[in-house]
N, C-alpha and C. Protein backbone atom coordinates (compact mmCIF):
# COMPACT_ATOMS: atom_id res chain seq x y z
N MET A 1 -38.15 38.99 146.63
CA MET A 1 -37.91 38.06 147.40
C MET A 1 -37.97 38.46 149.04
N GLU A 2 -39.08 38.51 149.43
CA GLU A 2 -39.35 38.97 150.52
C GLU A 2 -39.68 37.51 151.29
N ASP A 3 -40.06 36.56 150.85
CA ASP A 3 -40.86 35.33 151.67
C ASP A 3 -39.35 34.65 152.01
N PRO A 4 -38.57 34.40 151.30
CA PRO A 4 -37.04 33.95 151.58
C PRO A 4 -36.43 34.83 152.71
N CYS A 5 -36.37 36.09 152.73
CA CYS A 5 -35.81 36.71 153.75
C CYS A 5 -36.53 36.94 154.99
N GLN A 6 -38.08 36.77 154.95
CA GLN A 6 -38.94 36.57 156.44
C GLN A 6 -38.25 35.53 156.93
N LYS A 7 -38.31 34.06 156.05
CA LYS A 7 -38.17 32.74 156.59
C LYS A 7 -36.27 32.96 157.44
N ARG A 8 -35.71 33.83 156.28
CA ARG A 8 -34.27 33.73 157.22
C ARG A 8 -34.01 34.51 158.23
N ASN A 9 -34.87 35.47 158.69
CA ASN A 9 -34.49 36.03 160.05
C ASN A 9 -35.47 35.59 160.82
N ALA A 10 -36.39 35.23 160.63
CA ALA A 10 -37.00 34.38 161.52
C ALA A 10 -35.76 32.99 161.96
N ALA A 11 -35.43 32.51 161.29
CA ALA A 11 -34.14 31.54 161.30
C ALA A 11 -33.27 32.19 162.21
N GLY A 12 -32.83 33.29 161.67
CA GLY A 12 -31.92 33.91 162.39
C GLY A 12 -32.11 34.36 163.77
N ALA A 13 -33.10 34.93 163.95
CA ALA A 13 -33.62 35.08 165.40
C ALA A 13 -34.02 33.69 166.52
N THR A 14 -33.93 33.00 165.87
CA THR A 14 -34.52 31.39 166.62
C THR A 14 -32.41 30.75 166.97
N ASN A 15 -31.85 31.08 165.86
CA ASN A 15 -30.39 30.93 166.54
C ASN A 15 -29.94 31.72 167.40
N ALA A 16 -30.31 33.08 167.32
CA ALA A 16 -29.95 33.83 168.43
C ALA A 16 -30.27 33.54 169.88
N LEU A 17 -31.61 33.80 169.89
CA LEU A 17 -32.23 32.66 171.20
C LEU A 17 -31.52 31.22 171.67
N VAL A 18 -31.09 30.53 170.56
CA VAL A 18 -30.42 29.10 170.98
C VAL A 18 -28.84 29.80 171.56
N ALA A 19 -28.69 30.63 171.03
CA ALA A 19 -26.80 30.98 171.28
C ALA A 19 -26.75 31.58 172.57
N ALA A 20 -27.83 32.30 173.07
CA ALA A 20 -27.92 32.91 174.02
C ALA A 20 -28.19 31.99 175.44
N GLN A 21 -28.87 31.29 174.85
CA GLN A 21 -28.92 29.95 175.80
C GLN A 21 -27.85 29.28 176.15
N MET A 22 -27.05 28.66 175.02
CA MET A 22 -25.94 28.13 175.40
C MET A 22 -24.90 28.68 176.00
N ALA A 23 -24.69 30.14 175.57
CA ALA A 23 -23.64 31.15 176.30
C ALA A 23 -24.18 30.98 177.88
N LEU A 24 -25.40 31.11 178.24
CA LEU A 24 -25.98 31.43 179.68
C LEU A 24 -25.84 29.71 180.14
N ALA A 25 -25.80 28.87 179.49
CA ALA A 25 -25.54 27.40 180.04
C ALA A 25 -23.45 27.04 180.15
N GLY A 26 -23.14 27.99 179.99
CA GLY A 26 -21.81 27.67 179.81
C GLY A 26 -20.86 27.27 178.54
N VAL A 27 -21.68 26.90 177.59
CA VAL A 27 -21.26 26.21 176.46
C VAL A 27 -20.08 26.85 175.90
N ARG A 28 -18.57 26.18 175.35
CA ARG A 28 -17.53 27.00 175.16
C ARG A 28 -17.39 26.84 173.61
N ALA A 29 -17.45 27.72 172.90
CA ALA A 29 -16.86 27.34 171.55
C ALA A 29 -15.22 26.96 171.47
N THR A 30 -15.41 25.67 170.30
CA THR A 30 -14.26 25.39 169.95
C THR A 30 -13.31 26.28 169.37
N ALA A 31 -13.56 26.77 168.97
CA ALA A 31 -12.56 28.08 167.99
C ALA A 31 -12.44 29.54 168.19
N PRO A 32 -11.74 30.34 168.48
CA PRO A 32 -12.07 31.76 168.74
C PRO A 32 -13.05 32.85 167.45
N LEU A 33 -13.47 33.21 168.19
CA LEU A 33 -14.70 34.13 167.15
C LEU A 33 -13.43 34.77 166.07
N ASP A 34 -12.28 35.04 166.21
CA ASP A 34 -11.70 35.79 165.34
C ASP A 34 -11.35 35.09 164.22
N GLU A 35 -10.97 33.65 164.45
CA GLU A 35 -10.58 32.59 163.66
C GLU A 35 -11.58 32.16 162.96
N THR A 36 -12.93 31.98 163.55
CA THR A 36 -14.33 31.95 162.88
C THR A 36 -14.75 32.93 161.88
N VAL A 37 -14.66 34.49 162.09
CA VAL A 37 -15.18 34.91 161.14
C VAL A 37 -14.05 35.29 159.75
N GLU A 38 -12.67 34.80 160.22
CA GLU A 38 -11.77 34.62 159.04
C GLU A 38 -12.22 33.40 158.17
N ALA A 39 -12.25 32.32 158.69
CA ALA A 39 -12.84 31.62 157.94
C ALA A 39 -13.66 31.45 157.11
N MET A 40 -15.20 31.91 157.32
CA MET A 40 -16.50 32.60 156.97
C MET A 40 -15.85 33.41 155.88
N ARG A 41 -15.00 34.62 156.16
CA ARG A 41 -14.32 35.54 154.78
C ARG A 41 -13.78 34.76 153.89
N ARG A 42 -13.11 33.97 154.56
CA ARG A 42 -12.71 33.15 153.16
C ARG A 42 -12.87 32.38 152.13
N VAL A 43 -14.29 32.13 152.74
CA VAL A 43 -15.57 31.10 152.17
C VAL A 43 -16.11 32.16 151.53
N GLY A 44 -16.66 32.68 151.80
CA GLY A 44 -17.67 34.19 151.05
C GLY A 44 -16.89 34.55 150.18
N GLN A 45 -15.24 34.94 149.94
CA GLN A 45 -14.77 35.61 149.09
C GLN A 45 -14.55 34.06 147.98
N SER A 46 -14.59 33.02 148.32
CA SER A 46 -14.02 32.18 147.18
C SER A 46 -15.63 31.71 146.49
N LEU A 47 -16.52 32.27 147.01
CA LEU A 47 -17.78 32.02 146.43
C LEU A 47 -17.96 32.84 144.67
N PRO A 48 -18.83 32.30 143.63
CA PRO A 48 -18.93 33.12 142.85
C PRO A 48 -19.98 34.32 143.09
N PHE A 49 -19.17 35.39 142.16
CA PHE A 49 -20.23 36.72 142.38
C PHE A 49 -21.49 36.72 142.37
N GLU A 50 -22.13 35.79 141.75
CA GLU A 50 -23.91 35.53 141.53
C GLU A 50 -24.13 34.68 142.55
N LEU A 51 -23.24 34.43 143.54
CA LEU A 51 -23.95 33.83 144.66
C LEU A 51 -23.91 34.60 145.91
N ARG A 52 -23.38 35.71 145.96
CA ARG A 52 -22.98 36.86 147.08
C ARG A 52 -24.12 37.50 147.50
N GLU A 53 -25.09 37.28 147.51
CA GLU A 53 -27.03 37.87 148.00
C GLU A 53 -26.61 39.01 146.62
N THR A 54 -26.47 38.96 145.45
CA THR A 54 -26.49 39.91 144.49
C THR A 54 -27.79 40.04 143.75
N ALA A 55 -28.70 38.76 143.78
CA ALA A 55 -29.99 38.59 143.46
C ALA A 55 -29.54 38.21 141.62
N LEU A 56 -28.59 37.61 141.37
CA LEU A 56 -28.48 37.35 140.17
C LEU A 56 -28.34 35.62 140.13
N GLY A 57 -28.08 34.98 141.23
CA GLY A 57 -27.96 33.57 140.88
C GLY A 57 -28.84 32.89 142.28
N GLY A 58 -28.40 31.32 142.60
CA GLY A 58 -28.97 30.86 143.36
C GLY A 58 -30.69 30.83 143.34
N MET A 59 -31.69 30.98 144.53
CA MET A 59 -32.62 30.88 144.48
C MET A 59 -33.62 32.37 143.56
N ALA A 60 -32.91 33.30 143.75
CA ALA A 60 -33.01 34.36 142.70
C ALA A 60 -33.36 34.19 141.39
N ALA A 61 -32.60 33.11 140.74
CA ALA A 61 -32.42 32.86 139.25
C ALA A 61 -33.37 31.81 139.07
N CYS A 62 -34.35 31.38 139.79
CA CYS A 62 -35.58 30.29 139.89
C CYS A 62 -36.32 31.06 139.09
N PRO A 63 -37.42 30.27 138.15
CA PRO A 63 -38.34 30.72 137.16
C PRO A 63 -39.44 31.16 138.44
N SER A 64 -39.68 30.56 139.09
CA SER A 64 -40.88 30.54 140.04
C SER A 64 -40.80 31.72 141.39
N CYS A 65 -39.64 31.86 141.30
CA CYS A 65 -38.91 33.22 142.22
C CYS A 65 -39.11 34.21 141.46
N ARG A 66 -38.70 34.46 140.28
CA ARG A 66 -38.29 35.51 139.22
C ARG A 66 -39.67 36.03 138.92
N ALA A 67 -40.93 34.82 138.91
CA ALA A 67 -42.16 35.36 138.41
C ALA A 67 -42.67 36.02 139.84
N ARG A 68 -42.71 35.90 140.48
CA ARG A 68 -42.87 36.52 142.04
C ARG A 68 -42.67 37.95 141.73
N CYS A 69 -41.24 38.06 141.33
CA CYS A 69 -40.95 39.20 141.79
C CYS A 69 -41.10 40.23 140.08
N GLY A 70 -41.88 40.17 139.30
CA GLY A 70 -42.42 40.26 137.94
C GLY A 70 -41.37 40.54 137.07
N ARG A 71 -40.24 39.57 137.32
CA ARG A 71 -38.90 39.04 135.92
C ARG A 71 -39.50 38.66 135.14
């Protein structure tokens, strides 16, 4: 599953640059970081186990992706 990870890393780097520009421009968040992290934790815990980066569901379960990994 290297290809999706590389694309996700590129998207993450882009988000980091945009976030830095927003911070330097003085853009303020509407919710405090602690509340945002807690909300993300609750959402993550509500996801089925197979969808939690376990390589058991989502794109990892698609036939074309499984074939690329030799499964």
